[in-house]
Amino acid sequence: MKILLIYPLFPPTFWSYEKSLELVNRKVLLPPLGLITVAAILPQDWEFKLCDRNIRAVTEEEWNWADLVIISGMIVQKPDLIAQIQEAKQRGKLVAVGGAYPTSVPLDMEQAGADFLILDEGENTLPEFVEALNRGETQGIFRSSEKPDITLTPIPRYDLLELDAYDSMSIQFSRGCPFQCEFCDIIILYGRKPRTKTPFQLLKELDYLYQLGWRRGVFMVDDNFIGNKRNVKNFLRQLKVWQIEHHFPFRFNTEASVDLAQDDELMDLMVECNFDAVFLGIETPDEDSLKLTKKFQNTRHPLLETVDKMIRKGLRPMAGFIIGFDGEKPGAATRIIDFVEEAAIPTAMFGMLQALPNTALWERLEKEGRLLANNKQDINQSTLMNFLPTRPIEEIAAEYIEAFWKLYDEEMFLERTYRCFLKLGAPRAKVDFKWPAWVDLKALLIILWRQGIKRKTRWKFWLYFWNIVRHNSPVWEHYLTVCAHNEHFLEYRQVVRQEIENQLEMFLQQKAQLKPHPVPVN
């Protein structure tokens, strides 16, 4: 059996980093971990080819070669995922789909013409799919409400990737999250009881990446890396030994809940293993909104102190923020900007609240008649809200556009990045010095030219860089890397402004025709 794995295009997003990646001749931030895990679960006497369309188009040779096409993706990839299903069917191919988006909205897959829907977690449903193929079946839907034992999940097929095209690799330690945030679909897809792989398992995956020659960043894609603190500490203790033995070939970053800051041992272990950044779902500094959306873990300790503690430990914060919660008071975007500035969070992902299919928020809004009939599901930072909030959408959109633009103003970004790195705890991993490759030197020279000479930031850029070298020299390289990120955001904020303004104009034209149920204030 010849299997063609296709990963659909992402539109420009907050995390696409196109302009930053161009500096180092890379195409994509992260690889399709789900697809290469699928390839590892399927029979290994099958043949596999993978095309990540974010790197290149599918070739005629690949289309002709394939017996079966397998496509997976997230809601943000909806347009190209649907297009690839249709392209494969026009070529007479059997098509199987799976992943987060097909699992959440299977009807879209059926309407696009997919033959097989392999939904939920593949460890349970892929074997059923293989059995159906062996029986000669040409269509089917495979579901499982049970959560698989991921200690049995094989090592992903990293060998199928075009490694040089990626800036970082993906690896997964756990699935699931113990919390109950109303807008989150992770607990719907993977449950509230975090399941973890074994330390031995993860180290074998790292061994494989090491053998393939990977020597750059590794992103732990867990939606909450610390969901099971006991297991993650056990893993980190063994990872620390592995990193020392291999001379720290990898730097790590991940996502975690804010209660990480209350566990000094856990943060110390992460830094000692060469973790240098953590994404936090802060959402909003407004405590009433946090309670309404059931994000109670963010209300137990002062958020500013939480972020400051992580920075001083040596973990650069990245954070997500949302505007548009029910009962939200005007000026929410300004309060978010004030918080980001005071906390010195360089990278703040900001978006309008979206109702994801099957979440508690989706179900509540559906009962209240507040979901918009024409709601878009290719959800992104440049997507207007897909439901009627408790204050006017146009007011929220105006706040959002202005705030996103301001967050990534070159001077504001540089200033808060400087303040973050001035107090950032120094790395504890003893990484062997290596002369940077020419591509990295070229990227450095471009940043020095653009931000240190060409732009209005030039005087502050050199002053701040000198102060970092003088007062916190171990972090200077990390600092310049984050400075380079704004090459992407300066352009992306224009995309956000244009897209939201266009969608808002269409919404206001249709507003008179909307007949929603009354919108509750509380």
Protein backbone atom coordinates (compact mmCIF):
# COMPACT_ATOMS: atom_id res chain seq x y z
CA MET A 1 0.00 0.00 0.00
CA LYS A 2 1.40 3.38 -1.05
CA ILE A 3 0.32 6.18 1.29
CA LEU A 4 0.59 9.88 0.47
CA LEU A 5 0.34 12.03 3.60
CA ILE A 6 -0.69 15.64 2.95
CA TYR A 7 -0.52 18.51 5.43
CA PRO A 8 -2.64 21.49 4.27
CA LEU A 9 -1.58 25.10 4.01
CA PHE A 10 -1.79 27.48 6.94
CA PRO A 11 -2.93 31.01 6.17
CA PRO A 12 -0.72 33.77 7.59
CA THR A 13 -1.08 33.44 11.37
CA PHE A 14 0.43 34.80 14.54
CA TRP A 15 2.72 31.75 14.69
CA SER A 16 3.68 31.48 11.02
CA TYR A 17 6.71 33.78 11.43
CA GLU A 18 7.26 34.01 7.65
CA LYS A 19 9.47 37.10 7.71
CA SER A 20 11.49 35.85 10.67
CA LEU A 21 12.02 32.40 9.13
CA GLU A 22 13.13 33.93 5.85
CA LEU A 23 16.13 35.31 7.70
CA VAL A 24 17.43 31.79 8.37
CA ASN A 25 16.26 30.16 5.10
CA ARG A 26 13.53 28.07 6.71
CA LYS A 27 9.98 27.61 5.50
CA VAL A 28 7.91 26.52 8.49
CA LEU A 29 8.04 26.82 12.27
CA LEU A 30 6.88 23.29 13.17
CA PRO A 31 6.27 19.95 11.39
CA PRO A 32 3.00 17.93 11.23
CA LEU A 33 3.54 15.74 14.29
CA GLY A 34 0.10 14.16 13.96
CA LEU A 35 0.72 12.87 10.43
CA ILE A 36 4.12 11.38 11.20
CA THR A 37 2.60 9.70 14.26
CA VAL A 38 -0.13 8.26 12.01
CA ALA A 39 2.60 6.94 9.71
CA ALA A 40 4.22 5.23 12.70
CA ILE A 41 0.95 3.57 13.83
CA LEU A 42 0.02 2.23 10.37
CA PRO A 43 1.60 -1.03 9.11
CA GLN A 44 5.30 -0.49 8.57
CA ASP A 45 5.40 -2.65 5.44
CA TRP A 46 3.37 0.09 3.73
CA GLU A 47 5.23 2.80 1.82
CA PHE A 48 4.90 6.44 2.88
CA LYS A 49 5.56 9.83 1.34
CA LEU A 50 4.75 13.11 3.06
CA CYS A 51 4.06 16.51 1.51
CA ASP A 52 3.81 19.49 3.81
CA ARG A 53 2.16 22.05 1.55
CA ASN A 54 3.55 24.82 3.70
CA ILE A 55 6.90 23.85 2.19
CA ARG A 56 5.94 22.84 -1.36
CA ALA A 57 3.09 21.63 -3.58
CA VAL A 58 2.23 17.98 -4.12
CA THR A 59 4.02 16.74 -7.25
CA GLU A 60 2.37 14.91 -10.16
CA GLU A 61 4.66 11.99 -9.42
CA GLU A 62 3.35 11.79 -5.84
CA TRP A 63 -0.29 11.95 -6.96
CA ASN A 64 0.29 9.18 -9.51
CA TRP A 65 2.24 7.05 -7.04
CA ALA A 66 -0.35 7.01 -4.23
CA ASP A 67 -2.91 4.28 -3.61
CA LEU A 68 -4.40 6.19 -0.67
CA VAL A 69 -4.22 9.82 0.40
CA ILE A 70 -4.35 10.69 4.12
CA ILE A 71 -4.95 14.33 5.09
CA SER A 72 -5.00 15.84 8.57
CA GLY A 73 -5.24 19.36 9.91
CA MET A 74 -6.69 21.96 12.24
CA ILE A 75 -9.65 24.30 11.76
CA VAL A 76 -7.37 27.16 10.70
CA GLN A 77 -6.29 24.98 7.74
CA LYS A 78 -9.88 24.40 6.59
CA PRO A 79 -9.75 25.98 3.09
CA ASP A 80 -6.75 24.02 1.88
CA LEU A 81 -7.76 20.82 3.67
CA ILE A 82 -11.07 20.82 1.80
CA ALA A 83 -9.28 21.71 -1.45
CA GLN A 84 -6.86 18.79 -1.10
CA ILE A 85 -9.68 16.33 -0.48
CA GLN A 86 -11.39 17.54 -3.63
CA GLU A 87 -8.16 17.46 -5.65
CA ALA A 88 -7.48 13.87 -4.58
CA LYS A 89 -11.03 12.77 -5.44
CA GLN A 90 -10.79 14.39 -8.89
CA ARG A 91 -7.74 12.20 -9.44
CA GLY A 92 -9.67 9.09 -8.44
CA LYS A 93 -7.85 8.51 -5.16
CA LEU A 94 -9.21 7.01 -1.97
CA VAL A 95 -9.07 9.72 0.70
CA ALA A 96 -8.89 9.33 4.48
CA VAL A 97 -8.99 12.28 6.87
CA GLY A 98 -8.36 12.69 10.58
CA GLY A 99 -7.10 15.10 13.20
CA ALA A 100 -8.59 17.91 15.28
CA TYR A 101 -10.71 19.61 12.60
CA PRO A 102 -12.27 16.45 11.08
CA THR A 103 -13.00 15.13 14.57
CA SER A 104 -14.74 18.37 15.54
CA VAL A 105 -16.67 18.90 12.29
CA PRO A 106 -16.92 15.53 10.47
CA LEU A 107 -19.81 16.72 8.31
CA ASP A 108 -17.45 19.09 6.48
CA MET A 109 -15.28 16.11 5.54
CA GLU A 110 -18.20 14.07 4.23
CA GLN A 111 -19.46 17.00 2.17
CA ALA A 112 -15.97 17.51 0.71
CA GLY A 113 -15.97 13.89 -0.48
CA ALA A 114 -13.63 12.08 1.93
CA ASP A 115 -14.04 8.30 1.84
CA PHE A 116 -12.75 7.46 5.32
CA LEU A 117 -13.12 9.54 8.48
CA ILE A 118 -10.57 8.38 11.07
CA LEU A 119 -11.70 10.45 14.04
CA ASP A 120 -10.71 10.88 17.68
CA GLU A 121 -7.29 9.50 18.68
CA GLY A 122 -5.59 7.39 16.04
CA GLU A 123 -4.17 4.76 18.38
CA ASN A 124 -7.75 3.46 18.71
CA THR A 125 -9.26 4.20 15.31
CA LEU A 126 -6.39 3.58 12.87
CA PRO A 127 -6.32 -0.22 13.52
CA GLU A 128 -10.05 -0.35 12.72
CA PHE A 129 -9.39 1.58 9.52
CA VAL A 130 -6.65 -0.88 8.51
CA GLU A 131 -8.98 -3.82 9.13
CA ALA A 132 -11.63 -2.18 6.93
CA LEU A 133 -9.11 -1.73 4.12
CA ASN A 134 -8.06 -5.36 4.45
CA ARG A 135 -11.72 -6.37 4.01
CA GLY A 136 -11.82 -4.39 0.79
CA GLU A 137 -14.06 -1.60 2.10
CA THR A 138 -13.85 1.76 0.33
CA GLN A 139 -15.53 4.02 2.88
CA GLY A 140 -16.23 4.25 6.59
CA ILE A 141 -16.28 6.33 9.75
CA PHE A 142 -14.18 5.22 12.71
CA ARG A 143 -14.74 6.70 16.17
CA SER A 144 -13.79 5.83 19.72
CA SER A 145 -14.88 7.47 22.96
CA GLU A 146 -12.10 5.69 24.87
CA LYS A 147 -8.81 7.43 25.47
CA PRO A 148 -5.81 5.33 24.36
CA ASP A 149 -2.80 4.40 26.44
CA ILE A 150 -0.18 6.61 24.85
CA THR A 151 2.66 4.68 26.48
CA LEU A 152 2.07 2.32 23.53
CA THR A 153 2.35 5.04 20.87
CA PRO A 154 5.33 4.37 18.57
CA ILE A 155 8.10 6.83 17.73
CA PRO A 156 6.85 9.28 15.07
CA ARG A 157 8.32 8.90 11.59
CA TYR A 158 10.57 11.95 11.71
CA ASP A 159 12.49 10.46 8.78
CA LEU A 160 9.60 11.41 6.46
CA LEU A 161 10.14 15.14 7.08
CA GLU A 162 12.19 17.59 5.04
CA LEU A 163 14.07 18.51 8.20
CA ASP A 164 16.00 21.49 6.82
CA ALA A 165 12.73 23.32 6.11
CA TYR A 166 11.68 23.48 9.78
CA ASP A 167 12.84 25.87 12.46
CA SER A 168 11.87 23.60 15.34
CA MET A 169 10.78 20.00 15.88
CA SER A 170 7.62 18.83 17.67
CA ILE A 171 7.40 16.16 20.33
CA GLN A 172 4.54 15.20 22.65
CA PHE A 173 4.74 14.08 26.27
CA SER A 174 1.10 14.26 27.33
CA ARG A 175 -2.48 14.67 26.15
CA GLY A 176 -5.34 16.23 28.08
CA CYS A 177 -5.67 19.03 30.63
CA PRO A 178 -7.14 18.95 34.16
CA PHE A 179 -8.86 22.33 33.88
CA GLN A 180 -12.30 23.24 32.48
CA CYS A 181 -11.98 26.48 30.49
CA GLU A 182 -15.31 27.04 28.75
CA PHE A 183 -13.86 28.00 25.35
CA CYS A 184 -11.24 25.24 25.11
CA ASP A 185 -11.67 22.20 22.86
CA ILE A 186 -8.63 20.32 24.19
CA ILE A 187 -10.63 18.82 27.06
CA ILE A 188 -13.27 17.76 24.51
CA LEU A 189 -10.75 16.12 22.19
CA TYR A 190 -8.36 14.63 24.76
CA GLY A 191 -10.12 14.69 28.13
CA ARG A 192 -9.43 16.23 31.52
CA LYS A 193 -7.23 13.42 32.82
CA PRO A 194 -3.72 14.05 31.48
CA ARG A 195 -2.12 10.95 30.01
CA THR A 196 1.65 10.84 29.66
CA LYS A 197 4.24 8.86 27.81
CA THR A 198 7.05 7.25 29.78
CA PRO A 199 10.43 8.97 30.15
CA PHE A 200 12.03 6.06 28.27
CA GLN A 201 9.60 6.64 25.39
CA LEU A 202 10.37 10.33 25.11
CA LEU A 203 14.11 9.81 25.33
CA LYS A 204 13.91 7.25 22.50
CA GLU A 205 12.15 9.89 20.39
CA LEU A 206 14.90 12.37 21.19
CA ASP A 207 17.49 9.71 20.37
CA TYR A 208 15.90 9.31 16.95
CA LEU A 209 15.93 13.06 16.28
CA TYR A 210 19.55 13.17 17.41
CA GLN A 211 20.47 10.31 15.06
CA LEU A 212 18.78 12.14 12.18
CA GLY A 213 21.11 15.08 12.84
CA TRP A 214 18.65 17.50 14.46
CA ARG A 215 20.41 20.09 16.64
CA ARG A 216 17.92 22.93 17.01
CA GLY A 217 14.81 23.70 19.02
CA VAL A 218 12.23 21.15 20.16
CA PHE A 219 8.70 22.21 21.03
CA MET A 220 6.77 20.09 23.52
CA VAL A 221 3.35 20.40 21.89
CA ASP A 222 1.40 19.39 25.02
CA ASP A 223 -1.49 21.78 25.56
CA ASN A 224 -0.51 21.74 29.24
CA PHE A 225 2.93 20.23 29.72
CA ILE A 226 2.53 20.26 33.51
CA GLY A 227 -0.96 18.69 33.66
CA ASN A 228 0.54 15.73 35.54
CA LYS A 229 3.29 17.32 37.64
CA ARG A 230 4.54 14.12 39.21
CA ASN A 231 5.11 12.44 35.85
CA VAL A 232 6.62 15.51 34.23
CA LYS A 233 9.13 15.93 37.05
CA ASN A 234 10.15 12.29 36.70
CA PHE A 235 10.65 12.83 32.98
CA LEU A 236 12.62 16.05 33.45
CA ARG A 237 15.03 14.42 35.88
CA GLN A 238 15.88 11.82 33.25
CA LEU A 239 15.89 14.38 30.43
CA LYS A 240 18.47 16.41 32.34
CA VAL A 241 20.81 13.41 32.41
CA TRP A 242 20.21 12.77 28.69
CA GLN A 243 20.93 16.39 27.81
CA ILE A 244 24.17 16.41 29.79
CA GLU A 245 25.31 13.14 28.18
CA HIS A 246 24.60 14.51 24.71
CA HIS A 247 26.06 18.01 25.45
CA PHE A 248 22.67 19.75 25.32
CA PRO A 249 21.87 19.38 21.60
CA PHE A 250 18.31 20.69 22.03
CA ARG A 251 16.65 23.74 23.55
CA PHE A 252 13.02 23.28 24.54
CA ASN A 253 9.88 25.34 24.89
CA THR A 254 6.30 24.37 25.63
CA GLU A 255 2.84 25.40 26.86
CA ALA A 256 1.79 25.30 30.50
CA SER A 257 -0.82 26.60 32.91
CA VAL A 258 0.12 29.53 35.14
CA ASP A 259 0.32 27.34 38.25
CA LEU A 260 3.79 26.43 36.99
CA ALA A 261 5.01 29.53 38.86
CA GLN A 262 3.96 28.01 42.18
CA ASP A 263 6.35 25.06 41.78
CA ASP A 264 9.98 26.14 42.09
CA GLU A 265 11.30 22.61 41.71
CA LEU A 266 9.46 22.17 38.42
CA MET A 267 10.70 25.47 37.00
CA ASP A 268 14.27 24.70 38.12
CA LEU A 269 14.15 21.32 36.42
CA MET A 270 12.87 22.86 33.21
CA VAL A 271 15.62 25.47 33.10
CA GLU A 272 18.26 22.86 33.93
CA CYS A 273 17.00 20.80 30.96
CA ASN A 274 17.43 23.86 28.69
CA PHE A 275 13.81 25.00 28.47
CA ASP A 276 13.94 28.71 27.68
CA ALA A 277 10.32 29.74 26.96
CA VAL A 278 6.77 28.84 28.02
CA PHE A 279 3.44 29.81 26.47
CA LEU A 280 0.83 30.77 29.08
CA GLY A 281 -2.91 31.05 28.53
CA ILE A 282 -3.45 34.22 30.56
CA GLU A 283 -6.47 35.35 28.45
CA THR A 284 -7.29 38.55 30.34
CA PRO A 285 -6.36 40.47 33.50
CA ASP A 286 -10.11 40.92 34.19
CA GLU A 287 -10.89 38.49 37.00
CA ASP A 288 -14.65 38.54 36.36
CA SER A 289 -14.07 37.30 32.81
CA LEU A 290 -11.71 34.58 34.00
CA LYS A 291 -14.30 33.31 36.46
CA LEU A 292 -17.07 33.45 33.87
CA THR A 293 -15.09 31.32 31.45
CA LYS A 294 -14.12 28.94 34.28
CA LYS A 295 -10.42 29.69 34.09
CA PHE A 296 -10.19 29.59 37.87
CA GLN A 297 -6.51 28.58 37.90
CA ASN A 298 -5.67 32.10 36.74
CA THR A 299 -7.39 33.74 39.70
CA ARG A 300 -5.55 32.02 42.55
CA HIS A 301 -2.37 34.11 42.48
CA PRO A 302 -1.57 37.61 41.16
CA LEU A 303 -0.81 37.22 37.47
CA LEU A 304 1.87 39.91 37.37
CA GLU A 305 3.78 38.16 40.16
CA THR A 306 3.34 34.83 38.37
CA VAL A 307 4.91 36.10 35.15
CA ASP A 308 7.71 37.91 36.97
CA LYS A 309 8.64 34.78 38.89
CA MET A 310 8.92 32.73 35.70
CA ILE A 311 11.08 35.36 34.01
CA ARG A 312 13.48 35.52 36.93
CA LYS A 313 13.77 31.72 36.89
CA GLY A 314 14.88 31.87 33.26
CA LEU A 315 11.66 31.10 31.36
CA ARG A 316 10.70 33.71 28.75
CA PRO A 317 6.92 34.11 28.80
CA MET A 318 4.78 33.94 25.69
CA ALA A 319 1.11 34.47 26.44
CA GLY A 320 -2.33 34.28 24.92
CA PHE A 321 -4.97 36.99 25.43
CA ILE A 322 -8.64 37.16 24.43
CA ILE A 323 -11.16 39.96 24.07
CA GLY A 324 -14.94 39.54 23.83
CA PHE A 325 -16.01 37.65 26.96
CA ASP A 326 -19.60 38.01 28.14
CA GLY A 327 -20.12 40.94 30.49
CA GLU A 328 -16.79 42.44 29.49
CA LYS A 329 -16.48 46.14 30.21
CA PRO A 330 -15.28 48.62 27.56
CA GLY A 331 -11.53 49.15 27.48
CA ALA A 332 -10.68 45.44 27.82
CA ALA A 333 -8.06 45.70 25.08
CA THR A 334 -6.36 48.63 26.80
CA ARG A 335 -6.25 46.68 30.05
CA ILE A 336 -4.59 43.80 28.19
CA ILE A 337 -1.97 46.11 26.69
CA ASP A 338 -1.29 47.64 30.11
CA PHE A 339 -0.85 44.16 31.58
CA VAL A 340 1.47 42.98 28.78
CA GLU A 341 3.60 46.09 29.17
CA GLU A 342 3.80 45.91 32.95
CA ALA A 343 4.54 42.19 32.90
CA ALA A 344 7.17 42.65 30.14
CA ILE A 345 5.83 39.83 27.95
CA PRO A 346 7.54 40.19 24.55
CA THR A 347 5.24 37.85 22.59
CA ALA A 348 1.54 38.32 23.31
CA MET A 349 -0.86 36.38 21.09
CA PHE A 350 -4.05 38.40 21.00
CA GLY A 351 -7.38 37.41 19.45
CA MET A 352 -11.11 37.85 19.64
CA LEU A 353 -13.02 35.10 21.41
CA GLN A 354 -14.21 32.32 19.09
CA ALA A 355 -16.69 29.57 19.84
CA LEU A 356 -15.06 26.28 18.86
CA PRO A 357 -17.37 23.39 17.87
CA ASN A 358 -18.52 21.12 20.71
CA THR A 359 -17.00 23.21 23.50
CA ALA A 360 -19.06 24.27 26.51
CA LEU A 361 -19.03 27.81 25.10
CA TRP A 362 -20.37 26.61 21.73
CA GLU A 363 -23.18 24.65 23.37
CA ARG A 364 -24.17 27.55 25.63
CA LEU A 365 -24.22 30.06 22.79
CA GLU A 366 -26.15 27.65 20.60
CA LYS A 367 -28.86 27.32 23.28
CA GLU A 368 -28.98 31.11 23.59
CA GLY A 369 -29.29 31.54 19.81
CA ARG A 370 -26.14 33.65 19.61
CA LEU A 371 -24.05 31.70 17.12
CA LEU A 372 -23.91 33.47 13.79
CA ALA A 373 -25.37 31.44 10.92
CA ASN A 374 -22.49 32.37 8.63
CA ASN A 375 -19.82 31.82 11.28
CA LYS A 376 -16.38 31.06 9.91
CA GLN A 377 -14.63 28.01 11.27
CA ASP A 378 -11.16 28.71 9.86
CA ILE A 379 -10.46 30.52 13.11
CA ASN A 380 -7.44 32.83 13.28
CA GLN A 381 -6.24 36.06 14.87
CA SER A 382 -7.57 37.77 11.73
CA THR A 383 -11.09 36.31 12.10
CA LEU A 384 -14.06 38.26 13.41
CA MET A 385 -16.04 36.72 16.28
CA ASN A 386 -18.42 33.94 15.22
CA PHE A 387 -21.15 34.78 17.75
CA LEU A 388 -22.95 37.82 19.14
CA PRO A 389 -21.19 39.09 22.28
CA THR A 390 -22.79 41.11 25.06
CA ARG A 391 -21.35 44.37 23.78
CA PRO A 392 -21.32 45.52 20.15
CA ILE A 393 -18.99 43.58 17.85
CA GLU A 394 -17.92 46.80 16.18
CA GLU A 395 -16.77 48.18 19.55
CA ILE A 396 -14.78 45.03 20.34
CA ALA A 397 -13.28 44.92 16.84
CA ALA A 398 -12.18 48.56 17.00
CA GLU A 399 -10.48 47.97 20.37
CA TYR A 400 -8.86 44.81 19.06
CA ILE A 401 -7.44 46.35 15.87
CA GLU A 402 -5.97 49.30 17.76
CA ALA A 403 -4.51 47.09 20.49
CA PHE A 404 -2.93 44.55 18.13
CA TRP A 405 -1.36 47.36 16.14
CA LYS A 406 0.00 48.98 19.30
CA LEU A 407 1.34 45.73 20.79
CA TYR A 408 3.68 45.26 17.85
CA ASP A 409 4.77 48.84 17.38
CA GLU A 410 8.53 48.49 16.89
CA GLU A 411 9.42 50.71 19.85
CA MET A 412 6.93 49.18 22.29
CA PHE A 413 7.97 45.65 21.33
CA LEU A 414 11.65 46.46 21.68
CA GLU A 415 11.19 48.15 25.05
CA ARG A 416 9.27 45.36 26.72
CA THR A 417 11.55 42.71 25.21
CA TYR A 418 14.49 44.60 26.71
CA ARG A 419 12.82 44.82 30.13
CA CYS A 420 12.05 41.10 30.03
CA PHE A 421 15.59 40.05 29.14
CA LEU A 422 17.22 42.43 31.57
CA LYS A 423 15.74 40.39 34.42
CA LEU A 424 15.57 37.00 32.67
CA GLY A 425 17.31 34.31 34.67
CA ALA A 426 20.50 33.09 33.01
CA PRO A 427 20.53 29.66 31.30
CA ARG A 428 21.84 26.87 33.52
CA ALA A 429 22.57 24.37 30.76
CA LYS A 430 26.27 24.20 29.90
CA VAL A 431 25.98 24.21 26.11
CA ASP A 432 29.21 23.70 24.15
CA PHE A 433 30.13 26.80 22.16
CA LYS A 434 29.92 26.43 18.39
CA TRP A 435 30.63 29.05 15.80
CA PRO A 436 27.35 30.11 14.20
CA ALA A 437 26.61 28.96 10.66
CA TRP A 438 26.77 31.51 7.84
CA VAL A 439 22.96 31.60 7.58
CA ASP A 440 22.72 32.62 11.24
CA LEU A 441 25.41 35.27 10.84
CA LYS A 442 23.58 36.65 7.80
CA ALA A 443 20.32 36.80 9.80
CA LEU A 444 22.12 38.64 12.60
CA LEU A 445 23.52 41.20 10.16
CA ILE A 446 20.07 41.79 8.66
CA ILE A 447 18.57 42.43 12.12
CA LEU A 448 21.41 44.77 13.02
CA TRP A 449 20.83 46.66 9.78
CA ARG A 450 17.03 46.88 10.00
CA GLN A 451 16.56 47.52 13.70
CA GLY A 452 19.91 49.11 14.51
CA ILE A 453 20.37 51.41 11.52
CA LYS A 454 17.38 51.61 9.17
CA ARG A 455 14.46 52.02 11.59
CA LYS A 456 13.62 54.71 14.12
CA THR A 457 14.46 52.19 16.85
CA ARG A 458 18.19 52.42 16.06
CA TRP A 459 19.31 54.40 19.11
CA LYS A 460 17.26 52.36 21.57
CA PHE A 461 18.29 49.14 19.84
CA TRP A 462 21.98 49.72 20.41
CA LEU A 463 21.50 51.11 23.93
CA TYR A 464 19.36 48.14 24.96
CA PHE A 465 21.65 45.60 23.32
CA TRP A 466 24.68 47.09 25.08
CA ASN A 467 22.87 47.00 28.43
CA ILE A 468 21.88 43.35 27.91
CA VAL A 469 25.49 42.43 27.11
CA ARG A 470 26.70 44.43 30.09
CA HIS A 471 24.16 43.36 32.73
CA ASN A 472 22.88 39.94 31.57
CA SER A 473 25.33 38.71 28.95
CA PRO A 474 24.32 35.00 28.98
CA VAL A 475 20.98 35.87 27.34
CA TRP A 476 22.20 38.17 24.52
CA GLU A 477 21.72 35.62 21.72
CA HIS A 478 18.24 34.70 22.95
CA TYR A 479 17.45 38.43 23.15
CA LEU A 480 18.39 39.11 19.54
CA THR A 481 16.38 36.09 18.40
CA VAL A 482 13.25 37.51 20.01
CA CYS A 483 13.99 40.95 18.56
CA ALA A 484 13.95 39.27 15.15
CA HIS A 485 10.42 37.96 15.76
CA ASN A 486 9.00 41.43 15.24
CA GLU A 487 9.99 41.21 11.57
CA HIS A 488 6.95 38.95 11.31
CA PHE A 489 4.61 40.86 13.60
CA LEU A 490 5.19 44.23 11.93
CA GLU A 491 3.74 42.76 8.74
CA TYR A 492 1.16 40.50 10.35
CA ARG A 493 -0.48 43.35 12.26
CA GLN A 494 -1.34 44.86 8.87
CA VAL A 495 -2.99 41.58 7.83
CA VAL A 496 -5.02 41.59 11.05
CA ARG A 497 -6.18 45.19 10.57
CA GLN A 498 -7.21 44.66 6.93
CA GLU A 499 -8.96 41.32 7.48
CA ILE A 500 -10.92 42.43 10.53
CA GLU A 501 -11.97 45.70 8.91
CA ASN A 502 -13.19 43.83 5.80
CA GLN A 503 -15.14 41.27 7.83
CA LEU A 504 -16.60 43.96 10.08
CA GLU A 505 -17.87 45.88 7.06
CA MET A 506 -19.62 42.75 5.77
CA PHE A 507 -21.04 42.02 9.22
CA LEU A 508 -22.50 45.50 9.60
CA GLN A 509 -24.13 45.21 6.17
CA GLN A 510 -25.81 41.98 7.28
CA LYS A 511 -26.57 43.08 10.83
CA ALA A 512 -30.08 44.28 10.06
CA GLN A 513 -31.01 40.79 8.85
CA LEU A 514 -29.84 39.04 12.03
CA LYS A 515 -32.56 37.92 14.42
CA PRO A 516 -30.76 36.45 17.42
CA HIS A 517 -32.30 35.58 20.75
CA PRO A 518 -31.93 38.23 23.45
CA VAL A 519 -28.34 38.50 24.67
CA PRO A 520 -27.96 38.11 28.45
CA VAL A 521 -25.80 40.65 30.22
CA ASN A 522 -24.49 38.25 32.86
